[in-house]
Protein backbone atom coordinates (compact mmCIF):
# COMPACT_ATOMS: atom_id res chain seq x y z
CA MET A 1 51.34 -6.42 47.33
CA ALA A 2 52.30 -3.87 44.43
CA THR A 3 50.56 -3.50 41.22
CA ALA A 4 51.70 -3.34 37.68
CA PRO A 5 51.34 0.54 37.25
CA TRP A 6 48.47 0.49 34.59
CA ARG A 7 49.26 2.15 31.05
CA PRO A 8 46.21 4.02 29.26
CA LEU A 9 48.00 5.54 26.82
CA ALA A 10 49.47 1.96 25.44
CA LEU A 11 45.50 0.41 25.71
CA LEU A 12 44.42 3.33 24.18
CA GLY A 13 46.81 2.63 21.34
CA PHE A 14 45.95 -0.68 21.45
CA ALA A 15 42.55 -0.42 20.44
CA ALA A 16 42.99 2.38 18.36
CA ALA A 17 45.07 0.01 16.22
CA LEU A 18 41.80 -2.78 16.51
CA LEU A 19 39.38 -0.04 15.44
CA GLY A 20 41.49 1.72 12.65
CA ALA A 21 42.54 -2.15 10.86
CA PRO A 22 41.06 -2.85 7.99
CA ALA A 23 38.50 -5.53 7.68
CA GLU A 24 39.63 -8.72 5.55
CA ALA A 25 37.30 -8.04 2.19
CA GLU A 26 34.32 -10.78 1.57
CA THR A 27 34.85 -13.45 -1.37
CA LEU A 28 31.38 -13.17 -2.99
CA ARG A 29 29.62 -15.48 -5.31
CA PRO A 30 29.39 -14.35 -9.13
CA PRO A 31 25.76 -14.07 -9.71
CA PRO A 32 23.85 -16.64 -11.75
CA PRO A 33 23.83 -16.36 -15.64
CA PRO A 34 20.42 -14.67 -16.54
CA ARG A 35 17.71 -16.94 -17.46
CA ALA A 36 16.18 -16.49 -21.04
CA PRO A 37 12.51 -16.24 -20.97
CA VAL A 38 10.52 -19.09 -20.97
CA ALA A 39 9.85 -20.82 -24.46
CA VAL A 40 8.83 -23.69 -25.83
CA ARG A 41 12.55 -24.67 -27.20
CA GLU A 42 12.79 -26.89 -30.11
CA VAL A 43 15.62 -28.95 -32.20
CA ALA A 44 15.52 -30.42 -35.56
CA VAL A 45 18.38 -33.41 -35.91
CA ILE A 46 19.91 -33.94 -38.88
CA ASN A 47 21.73 -36.93 -39.90
CA HIS A 48 24.27 -36.64 -42.89
CA ALA A 49 26.48 -39.99 -41.55
CA ALA A 50 26.53 -43.55 -43.03
CA HIS A 51 24.12 -45.21 -40.98
CA PRO A 52 20.59 -45.20 -39.84
CA VAL A 53 20.30 -43.08 -36.43
CA PHE A 54 17.99 -45.37 -33.99
CA GLN A 55 17.93 -43.68 -30.72
CA LEU A 56 17.88 -39.98 -29.75
CA LYS A 57 18.70 -38.58 -26.62
CA VAL A 58 18.54 -34.56 -25.51
CA SER A 59 18.93 -33.15 -21.77
CA PHE A 60 19.65 -30.27 -20.24
CA SER A 61 23.90 -29.56 -19.96
CA GLU A 62 23.38 -29.74 -15.79
CA ALA A 63 21.73 -32.95 -15.93
CA ASP A 64 23.20 -36.32 -14.63
CA GLN A 65 22.16 -38.72 -17.12
CA TRP A 66 20.32 -38.91 -21.08
CA GLY A 67 17.27 -39.95 -20.53
CA ASP A 68 14.58 -41.18 -22.60
CA ASP A 69 15.45 -42.20 -26.07
CA ARG A 70 13.20 -39.72 -28.27
CA LEU A 71 13.16 -41.65 -31.26
CA GLY A 72 10.89 -44.52 -30.27
CA GLU A 73 9.78 -46.83 -32.50
CA ALA A 74 11.36 -44.02 -35.18
CA THR A 75 14.37 -44.05 -36.83
CA VAL A 76 16.43 -41.29 -38.72
CA PRO A 77 18.37 -42.42 -42.52
CA PRO A 78 20.85 -41.29 -43.68
CA GLY A 79 19.96 -37.85 -45.09
CA GLY A 80 17.14 -37.78 -42.58
CA THR A 81 15.43 -34.90 -40.16
CA PHE A 82 14.09 -35.44 -37.21
CA ARG A 83 12.35 -32.79 -34.86
CA VAL A 84 12.46 -32.83 -31.13
CA ARG A 85 10.26 -30.50 -28.68
CA LEU A 86 11.46 -30.09 -25.13
CA GLY A 87 8.89 -28.44 -23.94
CA ARG A 88 8.62 -24.75 -21.93
CA THR A 89 11.72 -23.79 -20.26
CA GLY A 90 14.22 -21.42 -19.60
CA ASP A 91 17.69 -22.85 -20.38
CA CYS A 92 19.35 -22.67 -23.42
CA LEU A 93 21.80 -25.26 -22.70
CA PHE A 94 21.86 -28.76 -24.18
CA ASP A 95 23.11 -31.76 -24.78
CA ILE A 96 22.26 -34.31 -27.88
CA GLN A 97 23.26 -37.81 -28.26
CA VAL A 98 22.87 -40.20 -31.54
CA ILE A 99 22.89 -43.86 -31.59
CA TYR A 100 23.45 -45.32 -34.89
CA ASP A 101 22.59 -48.70 -36.12
CA ASP A 102 26.27 -50.32 -35.42
CA LEU A 103 26.21 -48.89 -31.84
CA SER A 104 28.47 -46.28 -32.25
CA HIS A 105 27.85 -42.93 -30.84
CA GLU A 106 28.29 -39.01 -31.46
CA GLU A 107 27.15 -36.24 -29.35
CA ARG A 108 27.19 -32.67 -29.04
CA ARG A 109 27.56 -30.56 -25.66
CA GLY A 110 26.12 -27.27 -24.27
CA VAL A 111 24.26 -26.50 -27.50
CA ASP A 112 22.51 -23.01 -26.99
CA LEU A 113 19.10 -24.01 -28.86
CA CYS A 114 17.85 -19.86 -27.91
CA ARG A 115 20.41 -19.30 -30.66
CA ILE A 116 20.18 -22.47 -33.22
CA ARG A 117 17.64 -24.67 -34.38
CA ALA A 118 19.43 -27.32 -36.27
CA VAL A 119 21.94 -30.01 -35.26
CA THR A 120 23.33 -32.24 -37.93
CA PHE A 121 25.13 -35.24 -37.40
CA ASP A 122 28.30 -36.94 -39.43
CA GLY A 123 29.57 -39.08 -38.00
CA THR A 124 33.25 -38.10 -38.25
CA THR A 125 33.12 -37.90 -34.16
CA ALA A 126 31.24 -41.28 -33.76
CA THR A 127 32.93 -43.39 -31.20
CA LYS A 128 31.85 -47.09 -30.41
CA PRO A 129 31.97 -48.03 -26.82
CA THR A 130 33.86 -51.11 -25.71
CA GLU A 131 30.95 -52.80 -24.60
CA LEU A 132 30.17 -53.10 -28.37
CA PHE A 133 31.22 -56.38 -28.38
CA ALA A 134 29.16 -57.83 -25.89
CA VAL A 135 26.11 -57.38 -28.16
CA PRO A 136 25.21 -61.66 -29.72
CA ARG A 137 23.71 -61.32 -33.07
CA GLY A 138 23.18 -64.45 -34.42
CA ILE A 139 23.31 -65.78 -38.82
CA ARG A 140 21.99 -68.74 -40.52
CA LEU A 141 24.41 -70.26 -43.27
CA GLU A 142 22.89 -72.33 -45.65
CA ASN A 143 25.24 -74.32 -47.89
CA ARG A 144 24.76 -74.63 -51.27
CA GLY A 145 29.01 -75.22 -52.23
CA PRO A 146 30.19 -78.43 -52.63
CA ARG A 147 32.52 -79.29 -50.06
CA PRO A 148 31.48 -79.22 -45.97
CA ILE A 149 32.24 -75.96 -43.98
CA ARG A 150 34.48 -76.55 -41.40
CA GLN A 151 34.88 -73.10 -39.98
CA VAL A 152 33.41 -69.99 -39.77
CA PHE A 153 34.88 -66.42 -38.84
CA VAL A 154 33.17 -63.17 -38.20
CA SER A 155 35.19 -59.96 -37.51
CA SER A 156 34.91 -56.39 -37.74
CA ALA A 157 36.74 -54.58 -40.46
CA SER A 158 38.51 -52.72 -37.34
CA ALA A 159 40.10 -55.97 -36.25
CA GLU A 160 43.58 -57.66 -36.92
CA GLN A 161 43.13 -61.27 -36.32
CA TRP A 162 39.61 -63.08 -37.18
CA GLY A 163 39.06 -64.42 -33.61
CA ASP A 164 37.75 -67.70 -32.51
CA ASP A 165 35.76 -70.40 -35.30
CA LEU A 166 32.03 -69.93 -34.80
CA ALA A 167 30.88 -72.90 -36.87
CA PRO A 168 28.45 -75.08 -35.17
CA PRO A 169 29.90 -78.76 -34.00
CA GLY A 170 30.79 -80.62 -37.35
CA GLY A 171 30.41 -77.64 -39.40
CA ILE A 172 28.14 -77.18 -42.63
CA ALA A 173 27.90 -80.05 -44.35
CA PRO A 174 26.93 -79.42 -48.14
CA ARG A 175 22.92 -78.96 -48.47
CA ALA A 176 22.78 -77.84 -44.89
CA SER A 177 22.21 -75.28 -42.81
CA GLY A 178 24.17 -73.78 -39.65
CA ALA A 179 23.19 -71.60 -37.17
CA ILE A 180 26.14 -69.19 -35.39
CA VAL A 181 26.47 -66.18 -32.97
CA TYR A 182 29.11 -63.66 -32.89
CA ARG A 183 29.32 -60.38 -30.63
CA GLY A 184 30.06 -57.28 -32.92
CA GLY A 185 28.21 -55.06 -34.99
CA CYS A 186 25.86 -54.85 -38.09
CA THR A 187 28.78 -54.36 -40.54
CA ALA A 188 30.96 -57.30 -40.17
CA ASP A 189 33.93 -59.07 -42.39
CA LEU A 190 32.76 -63.26 -43.10
CA ARG A 191 35.18 -65.90 -43.27
CA VAL A 192 34.75 -69.33 -43.79
CA VAL A 193 36.70 -72.14 -44.36
CA TYR A 194 36.13 -75.88 -46.38
CA ASP A 195 37.51 -79.13 -45.36
CA ASN A 196 40.34 -79.05 -48.25
CA ARG A 197 41.24 -75.53 -46.22
CA ALA A 198 40.69 -73.11 -49.02
CA ALA A 199 38.98 -70.24 -47.98
CA GLU A 200 36.74 -67.67 -48.98
CA GLU A 201 35.55 -64.48 -47.61
CA ARG A 202 32.91 -61.09 -47.63
CA ARG A 203 34.17 -57.89 -46.46
CA GLY A 204 31.27 -55.14 -45.28
CA LEU A 205 28.29 -57.46 -45.17
CA ASP A 206 25.04 -56.01 -43.64
CA LEU A 207 24.61 -58.77 -40.81
CA CYS A 208 21.81 -57.01 -39.21
CA ALA A 209 19.76 -56.29 -42.89
CA SER A 210 20.64 -60.18 -44.07
CA PRO A 211 20.64 -62.54 -40.92
CA ALA A 212 20.73 -65.53 -43.00
CA LEU A 213 23.02 -65.93 -46.17
CA ILE A 214 22.97 -68.90 -48.84
CA ILE A 215 27.15 -69.73 -49.45
CA ARG A 216 27.65 -70.68 -52.79
CA PRO A 217 29.86 -70.83 -55.60
CA GLY A 218 29.96 -66.66 -56.09
CA TRP A 219 28.80 -65.77 -53.40
CA THR A 220 31.75 -63.46 -52.61
CA THR A 221 31.31 -61.54 -55.72
CA ASP A 222 27.79 -60.95 -56.25
CA ASP A 223 25.55 -57.71 -56.25
CA GLU A 224 23.64 -58.44 -53.11
CA PRO A 225 24.48 -61.02 -50.28
CA PRO A 226 22.33 -64.30 -51.58
CA ALA A 227 19.80 -64.75 -49.07
CA PRO A 228 17.62 -67.73 -48.73
CA PRO A 229 14.09 -67.14 -48.54
CA ALA A 230 11.68 -66.85 -45.12
CA PRO A 231 11.07 -69.68 -43.48
CA GLY A 232 7.61 -71.71 -44.78
CA SER A 233 8.74 -70.11 -48.52
CA LEU A 234 9.92 -71.42 -51.70
CA ARG A 235 12.32 -68.98 -53.99
CA LEU A 236 11.61 -69.49 -57.69
CA VAL A 237 13.90 -68.43 -60.06
CA ASN A 238 12.78 -68.89 -63.92
CA ARG A 239 16.45 -69.32 -66.14
CA THR A 240 13.79 -70.82 -69.09
CA GLY A 241 13.81 -68.13 -71.32
CA HIS A 242 9.86 -67.89 -71.14
CA PRO A 243 7.67 -66.13 -68.30
CA ILE A 244 5.61 -68.63 -66.66
CA THR A 245 1.94 -68.47 -65.85
CA ALA A 246 1.53 -71.21 -63.58
CA LEU A 247 3.62 -73.44 -61.21
CA HIS A 248 2.25 -76.71 -59.40
CA LEU A 249 4.29 -79.70 -56.90
CA ARG A 250 3.68 -82.64 -56.10
CA ALA A 251 5.49 -85.22 -53.71
CA GLU A 252 7.44 -88.17 -55.08
CA PRO A 253 6.74 -91.04 -54.88
CA HIS A 254 3.11 -89.35 -56.75
CA HIS A 255 0.60 -90.51 -54.25
CA GLY A 256 -1.54 -87.15 -53.87
CA ALA A 257 -2.76 -84.51 -55.40
CA GLU A 258 -0.87 -81.96 -57.30
CA SER A 259 -0.54 -78.49 -55.10
CA PRO A 260 -2.95 -75.19 -56.22
CA ASP A 261 -1.00 -73.24 -58.80
CA LEU A 262 1.78 -71.52 -56.46
CA LEU A 263 1.49 -67.94 -58.65
CA GLY A 264 -2.05 -67.40 -57.98
CA ALA A 265 -2.94 -64.82 -60.50
CA GLY A 266 0.22 -63.92 -61.32
CA LEU A 267 3.47 -64.52 -63.40
CA LEU A 268 6.83 -65.27 -63.31
CA PRO A 269 9.13 -63.56 -65.87
CA ALA A 270 12.04 -64.69 -67.86
CA GLY A 271 14.90 -64.10 -65.61
CA GLY A 272 12.55 -63.30 -62.76
CA SER A 273 12.43 -64.82 -59.01
CA LEU A 274 9.75 -64.92 -56.54
CA ASP A 275 9.49 -65.89 -53.11
CA VAL A 276 5.86 -67.90 -52.86
CA PRO A 277 4.62 -69.88 -49.50
CA PHE A 278 4.45 -73.75 -49.57
CA ASP A 279 3.98 -75.97 -46.86
CA ARG A 280 6.06 -79.37 -47.74
CA GLY A 281 4.84 -81.06 -44.78
CA ALA A 282 6.43 -84.56 -44.06
CA ASP A 283 7.89 -84.86 -47.43
CA CYS A 284 11.14 -83.71 -49.21
CA ARG A 285 10.98 -84.74 -52.83
CA PHE A 286 8.39 -83.19 -55.54
CA THR A 287 8.09 -83.04 -59.48
CA LEU A 288 7.66 -79.41 -60.69
CA ARG A 289 5.01 -78.59 -63.26
CA ALA A 290 5.36 -75.29 -64.78
CA SER A 291 3.31 -73.99 -68.02
CA TYR A 292 4.26 -71.08 -70.60
CA GLY A 293 1.01 -70.70 -71.64
CA GLY A 294 -0.28 -70.43 -74.95
CA ASP A 295 1.46 -73.50 -77.34
CA LEU A 296 4.60 -74.33 -75.48
CA ALA A 297 4.40 -77.94 -73.70
CA ASP A 298 4.57 -77.61 -70.07
CA LEU A 299 8.18 -78.20 -68.14
CA ALA A 300 8.52 -81.04 -66.10
CA LEU A 301 11.49 -81.20 -62.79
CA ARG A 302 11.52 -83.89 -60.90
CA GLY A 303 13.99 -85.25 -57.98
CA ILE A 304 13.49 -81.59 -56.36
CA ASP A 305 14.88 -82.25 -52.77
CA LEU A 306 13.22 -79.77 -50.58
CA CYS A 307 14.69 -80.89 -47.79
CA GLY A 308 17.75 -79.69 -48.53
CA ASP A 309 16.90 -76.90 -50.54
CA SER A 310 14.33 -74.43 -50.45
CA THR A 311 15.66 -72.32 -53.76
CA ILE A 312 14.59 -73.67 -56.70
CA GLU A 313 16.20 -72.94 -60.10
CA LEU A 314 14.26 -73.75 -63.28
CA THR A 315 15.88 -74.51 -66.05
CA ASN A 316 14.85 -76.09 -69.93
CA SER A 317 14.07 -80.11 -69.16
CA PRO A 318 12.47 -82.99 -70.76
CA THR A 319 8.28 -81.47 -70.83
CA ILE A 320 5.27 -83.16 -70.13
CA ARG A 321 2.11 -82.51 -73.13
């Protein structure tokens, strides 16, 4: 069988073509950025926002998580500064997050702490997470008005609607108190509706700072939201026009001795108010005796109901000599 003639020139030409073909260029990875010298990194976080910062987090920009809160039990008030030491590292780029007391948060990404030492937050780019409304908060309302409260609404200032009625079953009767639970931030608007469908509102309440409120005539225009005294105490308000040097209570009917002087070594100035500890026990109605000192006769107020009210307003009345 005849064989195909060998074409050495063609083969040599093919080999030459292979040897002469340019190699495909290799794709090279860019070199990593040069690291700064290892040094102690720190940053001063300045709060120029209207709300206190109660959480502060700093992490490497390459990290996937924020890590722990750097404040611990501290807060950064408006106008305050908090310095964070980050330890020795050759990294420069960090992310910083602050969380305000209304649960809004603000971030700065890629901060070069090799070049700057302070970062300011002013709240202008703060955002509120969608899970904000899952945070339950509670407040207590004391009804000092003449009519029962039938409905209570709490909502954020940005909400278009008041939402659901939060009043306890049966509402809140006069001289009674009721607890409500809502979901939202610290600053909120409050609306109460009475049994005659009249309604009152107060905007921009800080319900974290004032978790208990007195609903009484004029409560919507008071300079400060009216709050009841702490449990186990009385609030005394002196409207007699004279300083009071001593004050005693005795349960009615008068089956026991008067209480010790509730003012102790102090006094209650004219126009002033004071919270004093007092345990009424199982009694509700009391007689109050106040002394002005000097030649003024003692003041007596009878029939004070401490089961329905924990604030006593002292006004001029028949006196005991």
